[in-house]
Amino acid sequence: MNQKDIIDRVAKETGWSLADSKTAVQAVSSIIAAALAKGTAVRSSLGTFSLSKRGARTGRNPRTGAPVKIRASKSIRFKLAKPIKDKLNKR
């Protein structure tokens, strides 16, 4: 399922226009991104989005074996909510 599919489903479920549904989906995405950029975890009925930090480290170029410096980075982690996890695993 991609963003267009989500927008179509939101429009169908809510009766909103495609333009309004697109605005709503984009607003939710930007709200989550802004909160994560501030370092705030976002909890919803789907689960929890949180920021993960990786420290700088030294890796290896697989082709040459030469050491490569890898910069510190941030990424998003997502932990699925228990009711959804249970539904997927039919508990």
Foldseek 3Di string as FASTA:
>chain_A
DDPLVQLVVCCVVPVDDSVVSNVVVVVVVVVCVVCQVVQHWDQDQFFIKGKDKDQWDWDADVVPRDIDTDHIDMDIDTDGDPVVVCVVVVD
